[in-house]
Protein backbone atom coordinates (compact mmCIF):
# COMPACT_ATOMS: atom_id res chain seq x y z
CA MET A 1 0.00 0.00 0.00
CA MET A 2 1.31 3.45 -0.92
CA PHE A 3 1.28 6.21 1.67
CA LYS A 4 1.10 9.84 0.67
CA ALA A 5 3.52 12.28 2.21
CA LYS A 6 2.09 15.23 4.11
CA GLY A 7 3.38 17.85 1.65
CA GLU A 8 2.25 15.98 -1.46
CA LYS A 9 -1.04 17.87 -1.75
CA GLY A 10 0.78 21.21 -1.56
CA GLN A 11 3.38 19.99 -4.00
CA GLY A 12 0.69 19.11 -6.56
CA LEU A 13 -0.87 22.53 -6.13
CA ILE A 14 2.49 24.21 -6.75
CA GLU A 15 3.02 22.10 -9.88
CA TYR A 16 -0.37 23.13 -11.26
CA ALA A 17 0.40 26.77 -10.47
CA LEU A 18 3.74 26.53 -12.30
CA ILE A 19 2.05 25.00 -15.34
CA ILE A 20 -0.53 27.80 -15.39
CA VAL A 21 2.21 30.43 -15.10
CA LEU A 22 4.24 28.90 -17.93
CA VAL A 23 1.20 28.63 -20.21
CA SER A 24 0.24 32.23 -19.50
CA ILE A 25 3.79 33.41 -20.29
CA VAL A 26 3.68 31.56 -23.62
CA VAL A 27 0.29 33.09 -24.45
CA ILE A 28 1.53 36.59 -23.60
CA VAL A 29 4.65 36.18 -25.75
CA VAL A 30 2.65 34.84 -28.70
CA LEU A 31 0.15 37.69 -28.46
CA ALA A 32 2.95 40.24 -28.18
CA LEU A 33 4.60 38.87 -31.32
CA LEU A 34 1.44 38.33 -33.37
CA GLY A 35 -0.62 41.21 -31.99
CA PRO A 36 0.24 43.74 -34.69
CA ALA A 37 -0.39 41.19 -37.46
CA ILE A 38 -3.77 40.28 -35.98
CA GLY A 39 -4.62 43.98 -35.66
CA ASP A 40 -3.75 44.52 -39.32
CA ILE A 41 -6.03 41.67 -40.37
CA PHE A 42 -8.95 43.12 -38.40
CA GLN A 43 -8.22 46.57 -39.82
CA GLN A 44 -8.36 45.18 -43.37
CA ILE A 45 -11.70 43.53 -42.57
CA ILE A 46 -13.07 46.80 -41.19
CA ASP A 47 -11.81 48.74 -44.22
CA THR A 48 -13.54 46.38 -46.65
CA ILE A 49 -16.84 46.71 -44.77
């Protein structure tokens, strides 16, 4: 039978928090790099309407 350590629940929570932080950093970087291009596409759509 496997016994869980006392700090295992906190450790799992920290791992989930780190994953969320890393994903959010990636999203922010992608939006920062592609933001102007996406804005140009929307501007072209608005201009044609």
